[in-house]
C-alpha atoms as a PDB file:
ATOM      1  CA  MET A   1    -243.998-171.882  72.336  1.00  0.00           C
ATOM      2  CA  ARG A   2    -244.305-169.910  69.139  1.00  0.00           C
ATOM      3  CA  PHE A   3    -247.554-170.157  67.188  1.00  0.00           C
ATOM      4  CA  LEU A   4    -248.992-168.676  64.030  1.00  0.00           C
ATOM      5  CA  VAL A   5    -252.780-168.829  64.248  1.00  0.00           C
ATOM      6  CA  ASP A   6    -254.492-169.036  60.869  1.00  0.00           C
ATOM      7  CA  GLU A   7    -257.580-166.921  60.311  1.00  0.00           C
ATOM      8  CA  SER A   8    -259.688-170.095  60.146  1.00  0.00           C
ATOM      9  CA  ALA A   9    -258.782-171.005  63.735  1.00  0.00           C
ATOM     10  CA  GLY A  10    -260.183-167.741  65.062  1.00  0.00           C
ATOM     11  CA  THR A  11    -259.160-164.945  67.365  1.00  0.00           C
ATOM     12  CA  ALA A  12    -260.326-166.762  70.506  1.00  0.00           C
ATOM     13  CA  VAL A  13    -257.660-169.437  69.982  1.00  0.00           C
ATOM     14  CA  ALA A  14    -255.004-166.759  69.491  1.00  0.00           C
ATOM     15  CA  LYS A  15    -256.098-165.002  72.678  1.00  0.00           C
ATOM     16  CA  PHE A  16    -256.163-168.289  74.625  1.00  0.00           C
ATOM     17  CA  LEU A  17    -252.611-169.120  73.566  1.00  0.00           C
ATOM     18  CA  ARG A  18    -251.357-165.595  74.247  1.00  0.00           C
ATOM     19  CA  ASP A  19    -253.014-165.583  77.682  1.00  0.00           C
ATOM     20  CA  GLY A  20    -251.180-168.846  78.353  1.00  0.00           C
ATOM     21  CA  GLY A  21    -247.851-167.091  77.856  1.00  0.00           C
ATOM     22  CA  HIS A  22    -247.142-168.250  74.323  1.00  0.00           C
ATOM     23  CA  ASP A  23    -245.683-166.111  71.537  1.00  0.00           C
ATOM     24  CA  VAL A  24    -248.633-165.828  69.151  1.00  0.00           C
ATOM     25  CA  LEU A  25    -248.783-164.223  65.735  1.00  0.00           C
ATOM     26  CA  PRO A  26    -252.229-164.090  64.116  1.00  0.00           C
ATOM     27  CA  ALA A  27    -251.958-164.632  60.354  1.00  0.00           C
ATOM     28  CA  ALA A  28    -254.660-161.996  59.833  1.00  0.00           C
ATOM     29  CA  GLU A  29    -252.329-159.367  61.294  1.00  0.00           C
ATOM     30  CA  ALA A  30    -248.989-160.592  59.951  1.00  0.00           C
ATOM     31  CA  MET A  31    -250.047-161.789  56.499  1.00  0.00           C
ATOM     32  CA  PRO A  32    -253.583-160.629  55.713  1.00  0.00           C
ATOM     33  CA  GLN A  33    -255.130-162.614  52.861  1.00  0.00           C
ATOM     34  CA  ALA A  34    -251.935-164.623  52.273  1.00  0.00           C
ATOM     35  CA  ASP A  35    -252.329-168.020  50.643  1.00  0.00           C
ATOM     36  CA  ASP A  36    -251.658-171.195  52.615  1.00  0.00           C
ATOM     37  CA  ALA A  37    -248.223-171.804  51.066  1.00  0.00           C
ATOM     38  CA  SER A  38    -247.077-168.317  52.080  1.00  0.00           C
ATOM     39  CA  ILE A  39    -248.416-168.785  55.602  1.00  0.00           C
ATOM     40  CA  LEU A  40    -246.629-172.120  55.912  1.00  0.00           C
ATOM     41  CA  ALA A  41    -243.374-170.635  54.610  1.00  0.00           C
ATOM     42  CA  GLY A  42    -243.601-167.637  56.950  1.00  0.00           C
ATOM     43  CA  ALA A  43    -244.327-169.828  59.950  1.00  0.00           C
ATOM     44  CA  GLY A  44    -241.410-172.073  59.036  1.00  0.00           C
ATOM     45  CA  GLN A  45    -238.995-169.152  58.775  1.00  0.00           C
ATOM     46  CA  GLU A  46    -239.967-168.028  62.276  1.00  0.00           C
ATOM     47  CA  ALA A  47    -240.181-171.566  63.728  1.00  0.00           C
ATOM     48  CA  ARG A  48    -243.874-171.123  64.522  1.00  0.00           C
ATOM     49  CA  ILE A  49    -246.385-173.941  64.837  1.00  0.00           C
ATOM     50  CA  ILE A  50    -249.471-173.271  62.724  1.00  0.00           C
ATOM     51  CA  VAL A  51    -252.901-173.635  64.290  1.00  0.00           C
ATOM     52  CA  THR A  52    -255.607-173.954  61.642  1.00  0.00           C
ATOM     53  CA  ASN A  53    -258.946-175.449  60.614  1.00  0.00           C
ATOM     54  CA  ASP A  54    -257.815-175.613  56.971  1.00  0.00           C
ATOM     55  CA  LYS A  55    -256.915-179.126  55.824  1.00  0.00           C
ATOM     56  CA  ASP A  56    -255.045-177.720  52.796  1.00  0.00           C
ATOM     57  CA  PHE A  57    -252.016-177.447  55.103  1.00  0.00           C
ATOM     58  CA  GLY A  58    -251.875-181.241  55.191  1.00  0.00           C
ATOM     59  CA  LYS A  59    -251.637-181.349  51.409  1.00  0.00           C
ATOM     60  CA  LEU A  60    -248.823-178.798  51.456  1.00  0.00           C
ATOM     61  CA  VAL A  61    -246.858-180.638  54.128  1.00  0.00           C
ATOM     62  CA  PHE A  62    -247.307-184.209  52.926  1.00  0.00           C
ATOM     63  CA  ARG A  63    -247.899-184.003  49.167  1.00  0.00           C
ATOM     64  CA  THR A  64    -245.591-181.145  48.237  1.00  0.00           C
ATOM     65  CA  ALA A  65    -243.141-181.706  51.113  1.00  0.00           C
ATOM     66  CA  GLN A  66    -243.176-178.032  52.099  1.00  0.00           C
ATOM     67  CA  ALA A  67    -241.232-177.630  55.341  1.00  0.00           C
ATOM     68  CA  ALA A  68    -243.030-176.671  58.534  1.00  0.00           C
ATOM     69  CA  ALA A  69    -242.181-176.241  62.213  1.00  0.00           C
ATOM     70  CA  GLY A  70    -245.430-177.994  63.098  1.00  0.00           C
ATOM     71  CA  VAL A  71    -249.147-177.901  62.339  1.00  0.00           C
ATOM     72  CA  ILE A  72    -252.170-178.332  64.576  1.00  0.00           C
ATOM     73  CA  LEU A  73    -255.272-179.006  62.490  1.00  0.00           C
ATOM     74  CA  LEU A  74    -258.538-178.548  64.368  1.00  0.00           C
ATOM     75  CA  ARG A  75    -261.154-180.840  62.765  1.00  0.00           C
ATOM     76  CA  LEU A  76    -264.173-180.094  64.921  1.00  0.00           C
ATOM     77  CA  ARG A  77    -267.889-180.790  64.692  1.00  0.00           C
ATOM     78  CA  ASP A  78    -268.574-177.921  67.080  1.00  0.00           C
ATOM     79  CA  GLU A  79    -266.810-174.837  65.718  1.00  0.00           C
ATOM     80  CA  SER A  80    -267.690-172.607  68.674  1.00  0.00           C
ATOM     81  CA  SER A  81    -264.896-170.586  70.244  1.00  0.00           C
ATOM     82  CA  ALA A  82    -265.365-172.378  73.543  1.00  0.00           C
ATOM     83  CA  ASN A  83    -264.922-175.791  71.905  1.00  0.00           C
ATOM     84  CA  ARG A  84    -261.887-174.666  69.906  1.00  0.00           C
ATOM     85  CA  ILE A  85    -260.268-173.494  73.127  1.00  0.00           C
ATOM     86  CA  ARG A  86    -261.205-176.721  74.931  1.00  0.00           C
ATOM     87  CA  VAL A  87    -259.598-178.836  72.200  1.00  0.00           C
ATOM     88  CA  MET A  88    -256.491-176.607  72.026  1.00  0.00           C
ATOM     89  CA  GLN A  89    -256.116-176.934  75.773  1.00  0.00           C
ATOM     90  CA  ALA A  90    -256.255-180.728  75.427  1.00  0.00           C
ATOM     91  CA  VAL A  91    -253.596-180.606  72.689  1.00  0.00           C
ATOM     92  CA  LEU A  92    -251.288-178.540  74.882  1.00  0.00           C
ATOM     93  CA  GLU A  93    -251.840-180.778  77.909  1.00  0.00           C
ATOM     94  CA  GLN A  94    -251.428-184.087  76.074  1.00  0.00           C
ATOM     95  CA  CYS A  95    -248.948-183.277  73.309  1.00  0.00           C
ATOM     96  CA  SER A  96    -246.786-180.338  74.361  1.00  0.00           C
ATOM     97  CA  ASP A  97    -243.585-182.360  73.918  1.00  0.00           C
ATOM     98  CA  ALA A  98    -244.624-183.474  70.418  1.00  0.00           C
ATOM     99  CA  LEU A  99    -245.779-180.172  68.883  1.00  0.00           C
ATOM    100  CA  ALA A 100    -242.554-179.306  67.081  1.00  0.00           C
ATOM    101  CA  ASN A 101    -242.076-181.099  63.754  1.00  0.00           C
ATOM    102  CA  SER A 102    -245.445-182.854  64.026  1.00  0.00           C
ATOM    103  CA  PHE A 103    -248.723-182.676  62.178  1.00  0.00           C
ATOM    104  CA  ILE A 104    -251.443-182.958  64.797  1.00  0.00           C
ATOM    105  CA  VAL A 105    -255.083-183.559  63.983  1.00  0.00           C
ATOM    106  CA  ALA A 106    -257.279-182.675  66.938  1.00  0.00           C
ATOM    107  CA  ARG A 107    -260.920-183.675  67.204  1.00  0.00           C
ATOM    108  CA  GLU A 108    -263.255-183.706  70.124  1.00  0.00           C
ATOM    109  CA  GLY A 109    -262.021-186.635  72.226  1.00  0.00           C
ATOM    110  CA  HIS A 110    -259.185-187.703  69.894  1.00  0.00           C
ATOM    111  CA  ILE A 111    -255.752-186.314  69.043  1.00  0.00           C
ATOM    112  CA  ARG A 112    -253.535-187.892  66.375  1.00  0.00           C
ATOM    113  CA  VAL A 113    -249.837-186.986  66.147  1.00  0.00           C
ATOM    114  CA  ARG A 114    -247.832-187.675  63.003  1.00  0.00           C
ATOM    115  CA  SER A 115    -244.142-186.844  62.721  1.00  0.00           C
ATOM    116  CA  MET A 116    -243.123-184.643  59.794  1.00  0.00           C
ATOM    117  CA  ARG A 117    -239.452-185.688  59.919  1.00  0.00           C
END
């Protein structure tokens, strides 16, 4: 899978995904200090699923109807790297077939998938 990992999601998530064999582009490297709309547009052009902690992506996708290949929003109480990785692993295990064209909200113990089509 192809992911764009937002700065808010952290480098540990990017490394975890890359170590799992995924094509990962950290936003901090590709688009340093870009605004959310630019990140969403860039990810869409490259068919990358965004991984983020920033709920502004939900506003862009659902209120302004900006196109996206997919978004995984990590809404965590425990923001440690280990917990972020644990939740990302659960998303990949439980929702790998639904990542494309979906807006996924992942919390500890709960994952919600909403189609963006």
